[in-house]
Amino acid sequence: MLTRRSVIGAVAAMTVAVFGAGTAQAQGALELNKPGVLSVATEAAFPPFSLLTPQGQVDGIEIRLFKEISKRLGLTYEPVILKWESTLVGLLAGQFDVMGTTMDVTEARQKQILYSDGWIESGAVVLVRQGSDIKKPADIKGKVIGALAASTYISASEPLGPTEIKAYKSEPEAYQDLINRNIEGVVTDQVAAAYAIKTAKLPLEITPGYVTQVQKGWGFQKARPNLAKAVNKALADMQADGTYAKIMTDMIGIVPKPEKPFRSNF
């Protein structure tokens, strides 16, 4: 038997379904923590992917992409600034909606979380001081190097035989230790390294060749497939209409769109 309350509830649900925002048809279907708000974890310390401007505002590739995605979904973008090593734990605990930090797609992580489609293709490279005797990734054998804590760069570097791999909480700390000759190289993302050298005029250079070459994806709890699908759709639309290319070109001068993007592990 239908009560007045159940009828009103059914009508309300139908109204949301018909007139809801964004590609998922209704914000209520997006498994958001807060209605109308897309909360996205960012480190805000990994240029050009995420950074803080002198005015204290978040900016970067992932920030600009998520601002546009939020707009297309009819949502308000809300950055949640965390240290990199805390983002996966925070995602699994439901502290935010999306892990927007730059993250390599790995088999181990696929067992824990739901990935977006691959949104960028890059690779780990070795960053060294200008004039270094390290001319290719294999030359880090027997050297002390650095990499971002909790990143895949540490495990990727191990087969090359460095004497020690120091873990850093942020890329700038690793770069400074490299400049100060406390380490001999930093294994990091090619895009991030190129941006840092260009903007900060660092006396560093990238050795030719990759340590690894991977695609990166954004992370969601496995219980949020509708949100992942909506983000994937917005991203695909942005790539098709040129918005993605403009954002990338403005930030780094290249368009690293994957030719064969990894697809979400639904």
C-alpha atoms as a PDB file:
ATOM      1  CA  MET A   1       0.000   0.000   0.000  1.00  0.00           C
ATOM      2  CA  LEU A   2       1.367   3.380  -1.007  1.00  0.00           C
ATOM      3  CA  THR A   3       1.349   6.042   1.679  1.00  0.00           C
ATOM      4  CA  ARG A   4       1.414   9.770   1.022  1.00  0.00           C
ATOM      5  CA  ARG A   5       5.073   9.829   2.122  1.00  0.00           C
ATOM      6  CA  SER A   6       6.080   7.015  -0.231  1.00  0.00           C
ATOM      7  CA  VAL A   7       4.312   8.685  -3.163  1.00  0.00           C
ATOM      8  CA  ILE A   8       6.080  11.965  -2.457  1.00  0.00           C
ATOM      9  CA  GLY A   9       9.387  10.105  -2.182  1.00  0.00           C
ATOM     10  CA  ALA A  10       8.810   8.329  -5.484  1.00  0.00           C
ATOM     11  CA  VAL A  11       7.967  11.585  -7.235  1.00  0.00           C
ATOM     12  CA  ALA A  12      11.085  13.226  -5.770  1.00  0.00           C
ATOM     13  CA  ALA A  13      13.258  10.353  -6.902  1.00  0.00           C
ATOM     14  CA  MET A  14      11.779  10.526 -10.408  1.00  0.00           C
ATOM     15  CA  THR A  15      12.372  14.271 -10.526  1.00  0.00           C
ATOM     16  CA  VAL A  16      16.040  13.822  -9.625  1.00  0.00           C
ATOM     17  CA  ALA A  17      16.414  11.051 -12.190  1.00  0.00           C
ATOM     18  CA  VAL A  18      14.963  13.224 -14.956  1.00  0.00           C
ATOM     19  CA  PHE A  19      16.511  16.566 -14.140  1.00  0.00           C
ATOM     20  CA  GLY A  20      19.771  15.534 -12.409  1.00  0.00           C
ATOM     21  CA  ALA A  21      23.070  17.128 -13.389  1.00  0.00           C
ATOM     22  CA  GLY A  22      25.926  15.813 -15.455  1.00  0.00           C
ATOM     23  CA  THR A  23      26.653  12.733 -17.466  1.00  0.00           C
ATOM     24  CA  ALA A  24      25.476  10.358 -14.735  1.00  0.00           C
ATOM     25  CA  GLN A  25      21.982  11.903 -15.050  1.00  0.00           C
ATOM     26  CA  ALA A  26      21.661  12.562 -11.329  1.00  0.00           C
ATOM     27  CA  GLN A  27      24.073  13.784  -8.704  1.00  0.00           C
ATOM     28  CA  GLY A  28      22.447  11.364  -6.286  1.00  0.00           C
ATOM     29  CA  ALA A  29      23.644   8.479  -8.468  1.00  0.00           C
ATOM     30  CA  LEU A  30      27.287   9.527  -8.256  1.00  0.00           C
ATOM     31  CA  GLU A  31      28.016   8.102  -4.766  1.00  0.00           C
ATOM     32  CA  LEU A  32      29.311  11.470  -3.531  1.00  0.00           C
ATOM     33  CA  ASN A  33      30.199  12.220   0.086  1.00  0.00           C
ATOM     34  CA  LYS A  34      28.325  15.521  -0.126  1.00  0.00           C
ATOM     35  CA  PRO A  35      25.532  16.252  -2.625  1.00  0.00           C
ATOM     36  CA  GLY A  36      26.638  18.638  -5.340  1.00  0.00           C
ATOM     37  CA  VAL A  37      30.321  18.542  -4.351  1.00  0.00           C
ATOM     38  CA  LEU A  38      33.173  16.569  -5.902  1.00  0.00           C
ATOM     39  CA  SER A  39      35.917  16.256  -3.271  1.00  0.00           C
ATOM     40  CA  VAL A  40      39.254  15.389  -4.856  1.00  0.00           C
ATOM     41  CA  ALA A  41      42.454  14.498  -3.020  1.00  0.00           C
ATOM     42  CA  THR A  42      45.526  16.360  -4.215  1.00  0.00           C
ATOM     43  CA  GLU A  43      49.062  16.606  -2.914  1.00  0.00           C
ATOM     44  CA  ALA A  44      49.455  20.214  -4.115  1.00  0.00           C
ATOM     45  CA  ALA A  45      53.220  19.623  -4.068  1.00  0.00           C
ATOM     46  CA  PHE A  46      53.969  17.731  -7.299  1.00  0.00           C
ATOM     47  CA  PRO A  47      54.252  20.252 -10.159  1.00  0.00           C
ATOM     48  CA  PRO A  48      53.003  20.367 -12.819  1.00  0.00           C
ATOM     49  CA  PHE A  49      50.328  17.886 -11.754  1.00  0.00           C
ATOM     50  CA  SER A  50      49.414  19.759  -8.572  1.00  0.00           C
ATOM     51  CA  LEU A  51      50.859  22.793  -6.810  1.00  0.00           C
ATOM     52  CA  LEU A  52      50.078  25.828  -4.694  1.00  0.00           C
ATOM     53  CA  THR A  53      50.336  29.255  -6.308  1.00  0.00           C
ATOM     54  CA  PRO A  54      51.994  32.171  -4.450  1.00  0.00           C
ATOM     55  CA  GLN A  55      48.463  33.235  -3.565  1.00  0.00           C
ATOM     56  CA  GLY A  56      47.802  29.884  -1.877  1.00  0.00           C
ATOM     57  CA  GLN A  57      45.473  28.535  -4.585  1.00  0.00           C
ATOM     58  CA  VAL A  58      45.717  24.994  -5.923  1.00  0.00           C
ATOM     59  CA  ASP A  59      46.701  24.665  -9.580  1.00  0.00           C
ATOM     60  CA  GLY A  60      48.217  22.134 -11.936  1.00  0.00           C
ATOM     61  CA  ILE A  61      47.230  19.649 -14.612  1.00  0.00           C
ATOM     62  CA  GLU A  62      45.066  17.449 -12.406  1.00  0.00           C
ATOM     63  CA  ILE A  63      43.479  20.493 -10.745  1.00  0.00           C
ATOM     64  CA  ARG A  64      42.487  22.093 -14.054  1.00  0.00           C
ATOM     65  CA  LEU A  65      41.168  18.803 -15.402  1.00  0.00           C
ATOM     66  CA  PHE A  66      39.048  18.160 -12.306  1.00  0.00           C
ATOM     67  CA  LYS A  67      37.712  21.696 -12.238  1.00  0.00           C
ATOM     68  CA  GLU A  68      36.489  21.177 -15.796  1.00  0.00           C
ATOM     69  CA  ILE A  69      35.157  17.692 -15.023  1.00  0.00           C
ATOM     70  CA  SER A  70      33.265  19.060 -12.019  1.00  0.00           C
ATOM     71  CA  LYS A  71      31.786  21.814 -14.163  1.00  0.00           C
ATOM     72  CA  ARG A  72      30.604  19.309 -16.764  1.00  0.00           C
ATOM     73  CA  LEU A  73      29.010  17.160 -14.063  1.00  0.00           C
ATOM     74  CA  GLY A  74      27.249  20.151 -12.534  1.00  0.00           C
ATOM     75  CA  LEU A  75      29.283  19.835  -9.326  1.00  0.00           C
ATOM     76  CA  THR A  76      31.408  22.105  -7.159  1.00  0.00           C
ATOM     77  CA  TYR A  77      35.081  21.175  -7.133  1.00  0.00           C
ATOM     78  CA  GLU A  78      36.560  20.794  -3.638  1.00  0.00           C
ATOM     79  CA  PRO A  79      40.290  20.011  -3.270  1.00  0.00           C
ATOM     80  CA  VAL A  80      41.415  17.969  -0.268  1.00  0.00           C
ATOM     81  CA  ILE A  81      45.138  18.516   0.306  1.00  0.00           C
ATOM     82  CA  LEU A  82      47.007  15.527   1.718  1.00  0.00           C
ATOM     83  CA  LYS A  83      50.527  14.116   1.725  1.00  0.00           C
ATOM     84  CA  TRP A  84      50.959  11.541  -1.043  1.00  0.00           C
ATOM     85  CA  GLU A  85      51.457   8.649   1.379  1.00  0.00           C
ATOM     86  CA  SER A  86      48.092   9.419   3.028  1.00  0.00           C
ATOM     87  CA  THR A  87      45.939   9.563  -0.091  1.00  0.00           C
ATOM     88  CA  LEU A  88      45.347   5.857  -0.671  1.00  0.00           C
ATOM     89  CA  VAL A  89      44.507   5.315   2.996  1.00  0.00           C
ATOM     90  CA  GLY A  90      42.171   8.312   2.856  1.00  0.00           C
ATOM     91  CA  LEU A  91      40.466   6.995  -0.260  1.00  0.00           C
ATOM     92  CA  LEU A  92      39.804   3.576   1.272  1.00  0.00           C
ATOM     93  CA  ALA A  93      38.455   5.324   4.393  1.00  0.00           C
ATOM     94  CA  GLY A  94      36.059   7.418   2.302  1.00  0.00           C
ATOM     95  CA  GLN A  95      37.538  10.777   3.304  1.00  0.00           C
ATOM     96  CA  PHE A  96      36.962  12.147  -0.220  1.00  0.00           C
ATOM     97  CA  ASP A  97      35.369  11.094  -3.507  1.00  0.00           C
ATOM     98  CA  VAL A  98      38.330  10.767  -5.868  1.00  0.00           C
ATOM     99  CA  MET A  99      42.048  10.201  -5.479  1.00  0.00           C
ATOM    100  CA  GLY A 100      43.150  12.824  -7.975  1.00  0.00           C
ATOM    101  CA  THR A 101      46.852  12.519  -7.204  1.00  0.00           C
ATOM    102  CA  THR A 102      48.989  11.271 -10.072  1.00  0.00           C
ATOM    103  CA  MET A 103      49.126   7.491  -9.693  1.00  0.00           C
ATOM    104  CA  ASP A 104      50.561   4.718 -11.847  1.00  0.00           C
ATOM    105  CA  VAL A 105      48.182   1.920 -12.796  1.00  0.00           C
ATOM    106  CA  THR A 106      49.476  -1.268 -11.147  1.00  0.00           C
ATOM    107  CA  GLU A 107      48.063  -4.770 -10.709  1.00  0.00           C
ATOM    108  CA  ALA A 108      48.353  -4.564  -6.924  1.00  0.00           C
ATOM    109  CA  ARG A 109      46.392  -1.316  -6.733  1.00  0.00           C
ATOM    110  CA  GLN A 110      43.676  -2.687  -9.016  1.00  0.00           C
ATOM    111  CA  LYS A 111      42.837  -5.186  -6.283  1.00  0.00           C
ATOM    112  CA  GLN A 112      42.240  -2.351  -3.831  1.00  0.00           C
ATOM    113  CA  ILE A 113      40.608   0.416  -5.830  1.00  0.00           C
ATOM    114  CA  LEU A 114      38.705   1.283  -8.977  1.00  0.00           C
ATOM    115  CA  TYR A 115      40.697   3.187 -11.578  1.00  0.00           C
ATOM    116  CA  SER A 116      39.535   5.774 -14.056  1.00  0.00           C
ATOM    117  CA  ASP A 117      40.476   5.292 -17.688  1.00  0.00           C
ATOM    118  CA  GLY A 118      44.139   6.152 -18.264  1.00  0.00           C
ATOM    119  CA  TRP A 119      44.291   9.936 -18.580  1.00  0.00           C
ATOM    120  CA  ILE A 120      48.005  10.495 -19.246  1.00  0.00           C
ATOM    121  CA  GLU A 121      50.957   8.466 -20.477  1.00  0.00           C
ATOM    122  CA  SER A 122      54.389   9.251 -19.131  1.00  0.00           C
ATOM    123  CA  GLY A 123      57.327   7.431 -17.610  1.00  0.00           C
ATOM    124  CA  ALA A 124      59.886   7.303 -14.849  1.00  0.00           C
ATOM    125  CA  VAL A 125      63.208   8.874 -15.744  1.00  0.00           C
ATOM    126  CA  VAL A 126      66.451   9.650 -13.940  1.00  0.00           C
ATOM    127  CA  LEU A 127      67.036  13.289 -13.067  1.00  0.00           C
ATOM    128  CA  VAL A 128      70.680  14.243 -12.440  1.00  0.00           C
ATOM    129  CA  ARG A 129      72.914  17.276 -11.986  1.00  0.00           C
ATOM    130  CA  GLN A 130      74.202  18.868 -15.158  1.00  0.00           C
ATOM    131  CA  GLY A 131      77.441  17.213 -16.200  1.00  0.00           C
ATOM    132  CA  SER A 132      76.762  14.073 -14.167  1.00  0.00           C
ATOM    133  CA  ASP A 133      78.493  10.842 -15.174  1.00  0.00           C
ATOM    134  CA  ILE A 134      75.070   9.190 -15.114  1.00  0.00           C
ATOM    135  CA  LYS A 135      74.129   9.178 -18.800  1.00  0.00           C
ATOM    136  CA  LYS A 136      71.361   6.556 -18.812  1.00  0.00           C
ATOM    137  CA  PRO A 137      69.131   4.830 -16.224  1.00  0.00           C
ATOM    138  CA  ALA A 138      71.474   1.805 -15.949  1.00  0.00           C
ATOM    139  CA  ASP A 139      74.231   4.121 -14.702  1.00  0.00           C
ATOM    140  CA  ILE A 140      72.554   4.521 -11.288  1.00  0.00           C
ATOM    141  CA  LYS A 141      74.007   1.130 -10.335  1.00  0.00           C
ATOM    142  CA  GLY A 142      76.071   1.575  -7.188  1.00  0.00           C
ATOM    143  CA  LYS A 143      74.769   5.141  -6.649  1.00  0.00           C
ATOM    144  CA  VAL A 144      72.649   6.704  -3.905  1.00  0.00           C
ATOM    145  CA  ILE A 145      69.448   8.018  -5.438  1.00  0.00           C
ATOM    146  CA  GLY A 146      66.097   9.380  -4.294  1.00  0.00           C
ATOM    147  CA  ALA A 147      62.416   8.880  -5.082  1.00  0.00           C
ATOM    148  CA  LEU A 148      59.025   9.911  -3.757  1.00  0.00           C
ATOM    149  CA  ALA A 149      57.900   7.895  -0.720  1.00  0.00           C
ATOM    150  CA  ALA A 150      55.158   5.319  -1.361  1.00  0.00           C
ATOM    151  CA  SER A 151      55.586   5.722  -5.127  1.00  0.00           C
ATOM    152  CA  THR A 152      56.253   3.027  -7.723  1.00  0.00           C
ATOM    153  CA  TYR A 153      59.554   4.755  -8.555  1.00  0.00           C
ATOM    154  CA  ILE A 154      61.259   3.057  -5.613  1.00  0.00           C
ATOM    155  CA  SER A 155      60.458  -0.499  -6.693  1.00  0.00           C
ATOM    156  CA  ALA A 156      61.105   0.405 -10.345  1.00  0.00           C
ATOM    157  CA  SER A 157      64.620   1.583  -9.458  1.00  0.00           C
ATOM    158  CA  GLU A 158      65.634  -1.445  -7.396  1.00  0.00           C
ATOM    159  CA  PRO A 159      66.491  -3.747 -10.358  1.00  0.00           C
ATOM    160  CA  LEU A 160      68.994  -1.161 -11.598  1.00  0.00           C
ATOM    161  CA  GLY A 161      71.104  -1.767  -8.500  1.00  0.00           C
ATOM    162  CA  PRO A 162      71.482   1.565  -6.676  1.00  0.00           C
ATOM    163  CA  THR A 163      73.357   1.381  -3.374  1.00  0.00           C
ATOM    164  CA  GLU A 164      70.513   3.167  -1.596  1.00  0.00           C
ATOM    165  CA  ILE A 165      67.148   4.670  -2.483  1.00  0.00           C
ATOM    166  CA  LYS A 166      66.182   7.510  -0.166  1.00  0.00           C
ATOM    167  CA  ALA A 167      62.446   8.140   0.200  1.00  0.00           C
ATOM    168  CA  TYR A 168      61.224  11.753   0.186  1.00  0.00           C
ATOM    169  CA  LYS A 169      57.909  13.255   1.236  1.00  0.00           C
ATOM    170  CA  SER A 170      57.917  15.673  -1.717  1.00  0.00           C
ATOM    171  CA  GLU A 171      59.680  16.099  -5.043  1.00  0.00           C
ATOM    172  CA  PRO A 172      61.200  19.516  -4.184  1.00  0.00           C
ATOM    173  CA  GLU A 173      62.980  17.950  -1.180  1.00  0.00           C
ATOM    174  CA  ALA A 174      64.510  15.305  -3.433  1.00  0.00           C
ATOM    175  CA  TYR A 175      65.562  17.892  -6.037  1.00  0.00           C
ATOM    176  CA  GLN A 176      67.258  20.025  -3.389  1.00  0.00           C
ATOM    177  CA  ASP A 177      69.158  17.040  -1.989  1.00  0.00           C
ATOM    178  CA  LEU A 178      70.305  16.249  -5.530  1.00  0.00           C
ATOM    179  CA  ILE A 179      71.518  19.814  -6.085  1.00  0.00           C
ATOM    180  CA  ASN A 180      73.286  19.707  -2.701  1.00  0.00           C
ATOM    181  CA  ARG A 181      75.090  16.487  -3.784  1.00  0.00           C
ATOM    182  CA  ASN A 182      73.554  14.370  -1.030  1.00  0.00           C
ATOM    183  CA  ILE A 183      72.307  11.945  -3.688  1.00  0.00           C
ATOM    184  CA  GLU A 184      73.329  11.277  -7.279  1.00  0.00           C
ATOM    185  CA  GLY A 185      69.959  11.094  -8.995  1.00  0.00           C
ATOM    186  CA  VAL A 186      66.188  11.231  -8.574  1.00  0.00           C
ATOM    187  CA  VAL A 187      63.838   8.792 -10.246  1.00  0.00           C
ATOM    188  CA  THR A 188      60.636  10.630 -11.019  1.00  0.00           C
ATOM    189  CA  ASP A 189      58.025  11.328 -13.660  1.00  0.00           C
ATOM    190  CA  GLN A 190      59.275  12.779 -16.947  1.00  0.00           C
ATOM    191  CA  VAL A 191      56.587  15.459 -17.108  1.00  0.00           C
ATOM    192  CA  ALA A 192      57.172  16.554 -13.515  1.00  0.00           C
ATOM    193  CA  ALA A 193      60.935  16.690 -13.990  1.00  0.00           C
ATOM    194  CA  ALA A 194      60.745  18.713 -17.205  1.00  0.00           C
ATOM    195  CA  TYR A 195      58.330  21.201 -15.635  1.00  0.00           C
ATOM    196  CA  ALA A 196      60.508  21.622 -12.537  1.00  0.00           C
ATOM    197  CA  ILE A 197      63.650  22.275 -14.553  1.00  0.00           C
ATOM    198  CA  LYS A 198      61.863  24.780 -16.798  1.00  0.00           C
ATOM    199  CA  THR A 199      59.987  26.789 -14.199  1.00  0.00           C
ATOM    200  CA  ALA A 200      62.545  26.771 -11.374  1.00  0.00           C
ATOM    201  CA  LYS A 201      65.592  26.940 -13.670  1.00  0.00           C
ATOM    202  CA  LEU A 202      67.184  24.045 -11.801  1.00  0.00           C
ATOM    203  CA  PRO A 203      70.766  23.045 -12.702  1.00  0.00           C
ATOM    204  CA  LEU A 204      69.533  19.548 -13.495  1.00  0.00           C
ATOM    205  CA  GLU A 205      68.879  17.443 -16.575  1.00  0.00           C
ATOM    206  CA  ILE A 206      66.994  14.310 -17.580  1.00  0.00           C
ATOM    207  CA  THR A 207      68.991  11.323 -18.803  1.00  0.00           C
ATOM    208  CA  PRO A 208      67.750   9.741 -22.062  1.00  0.00           C
ATOM    209  CA  GLY A 209      65.615   6.623 -21.716  1.00  0.00           C
ATOM    210  CA  TYR A 210      62.904   5.431 -19.355  1.00  0.00           C
ATOM    211  CA  VAL A 211      63.111   3.428 -16.154  1.00  0.00           C
ATOM    212  CA  THR A 212      59.465   2.543 -16.722  1.00  0.00           C
ATOM    213  CA  GLN A 213      56.762   3.836 -19.048  1.00  0.00           C
ATOM    214  CA  VAL A 214      53.227   3.775 -17.718  1.00  0.00           C
ATOM    215  CA  GLN A 215      49.775   5.280 -17.833  1.00  0.00           C
ATOM    216  CA  LYS A 216      48.255   7.018 -14.872  1.00  0.00           C
ATOM    217  CA  GLY A 217      44.715   6.850 -13.563  1.00  0.00           C
ATOM    218  CA  TRP A 218      42.603   8.447 -10.848  1.00  0.00           C
ATOM    219  CA  GLY A 219      41.391   6.309  -7.967  1.00  0.00           C
ATOM    220  CA  PHE A 220      37.894   5.609  -6.629  1.00  0.00           C
ATOM    221  CA  GLN A 221      36.516   3.280  -4.006  1.00  0.00           C
ATOM    222  CA  LYS A 222      35.158   0.154  -5.694  1.00  0.00           C
ATOM    223  CA  ALA A 223      31.737   1.056  -4.319  1.00  0.00           C
ATOM    224  CA  ARG A 224      31.617   4.165  -6.557  1.00  0.00           C
ATOM    225  CA  PRO A 225      31.351   2.821 -10.133  1.00  0.00           C
ATOM    226  CA  ASN A 226      28.824   5.455 -11.226  1.00  0.00           C
ATOM    227  CA  LEU A 227      31.170   8.250 -10.229  1.00  0.00           C
ATOM    228  CA  ALA A 228      34.052   6.619 -12.105  1.00  0.00           C
ATOM    229  CA  LYS A 229      31.897   6.215 -15.219  1.00  0.00           C
ATOM    230  CA  ALA A 230      30.800   9.859 -15.063  1.00  0.00           C
ATOM    231  CA  VAL A 231      34.394  11.070 -14.732  1.00  0.00           C
ATOM    232  CA  ASN A 232      35.460   8.817 -17.624  1.00  0.00           C
ATOM    233  CA  LYS A 233      32.710  10.258 -19.828  1.00  0.00           C
ATOM    234  CA  ALA A 234      33.657  13.851 -18.985  1.00  0.00           C
ATOM    235  CA  LEU A 235      37.322  13.114 -19.668  1.00  0.00           C
ATOM    236  CA  ALA A 236      36.527  11.508 -23.041  1.00  0.00           C
ATOM    237  CA  ASP A 237      34.412  14.513 -24.027  1.00  0.00           C
ATOM    238  CA  MET A 238      37.237  16.881 -23.072  1.00  0.00           C
ATOM    239  CA  GLN A 239      39.697  14.919 -25.180  1.00  0.00           C
ATOM    240  CA  ALA A 240      37.308  14.932 -28.120  1.00  0.00           C
ATOM    241  CA  ASP A 241      36.520  18.661 -28.063  1.00  0.00           C
ATOM    242  CA  GLY A 242      40.106  19.894 -27.536  1.00  0.00           C
ATOM    243  CA  THR A 243      39.782  20.997 -23.894  1.00  0.00           C
ATOM    244  CA  TYR A 244      42.219  18.335 -22.693  1.00  0.00           C
ATOM    245  CA  ALA A 245      44.828  19.350 -25.278  1.00  0.00           C
ATOM    246  CA  LYS A 246      44.529  23.032 -24.345  1.00  0.00           C
ATOM    247  CA  ILE A 247      45.000  22.339 -20.635  1.00  0.00           C
ATOM    248  CA  MET A 248      48.047  20.174 -21.283  1.00  0.00           C
ATOM    249  CA  THR A 249      49.624  22.580 -23.763  1.00  0.00           C
ATOM    250  CA  ASP A 250      49.154  25.548 -21.447  1.00  0.00           C
ATOM    251  CA  MET A 251      50.832  23.713 -18.560  1.00  0.00           C
ATOM    252  CA  ILE A 252      53.612  21.630 -20.128  1.00  0.00           C
ATOM    253  CA  GLY A 253      53.697  22.310 -23.880  1.00  0.00           C
ATOM    254  CA  ILE A 254      52.864  18.721 -24.883  1.00  0.00           C
ATOM    255  CA  VAL A 255      49.729  16.564 -25.083  1.00  0.00           C
ATOM    256  CA  PRO A 256      50.541  13.208 -23.437  1.00  0.00           C
ATOM    257  CA  LYS A 257      47.214  11.534 -24.227  1.00  0.00           C
ATOM    258  CA  PRO A 258      47.518   7.721 -24.215  1.00  0.00           C
ATOM    259  CA  GLU A 259      47.155   6.218 -27.683  1.00  0.00           C
ATOM    260  CA  LYS A 260      45.588   3.107 -26.173  1.00  0.00           C
ATOM    261  CA  PRO A 261      44.283   4.165 -22.774  1.00  0.00           C
ATOM    262  CA  PHE A 262      43.911   1.706 -19.925  1.00  0.00           C
ATOM    263  CA  ARG A 263      40.214   1.133 -19.225  1.00  0.00           C
ATOM    264  CA  SER A 264      38.578   1.158 -15.808  1.00  0.00           C
ATOM    265  CA  ASN A 265      38.644  -2.135 -13.915  1.00  0.00           C
ATOM    266  CA  PHE A 266      34.882  -2.385 -13.334  1.00  0.00           C
END
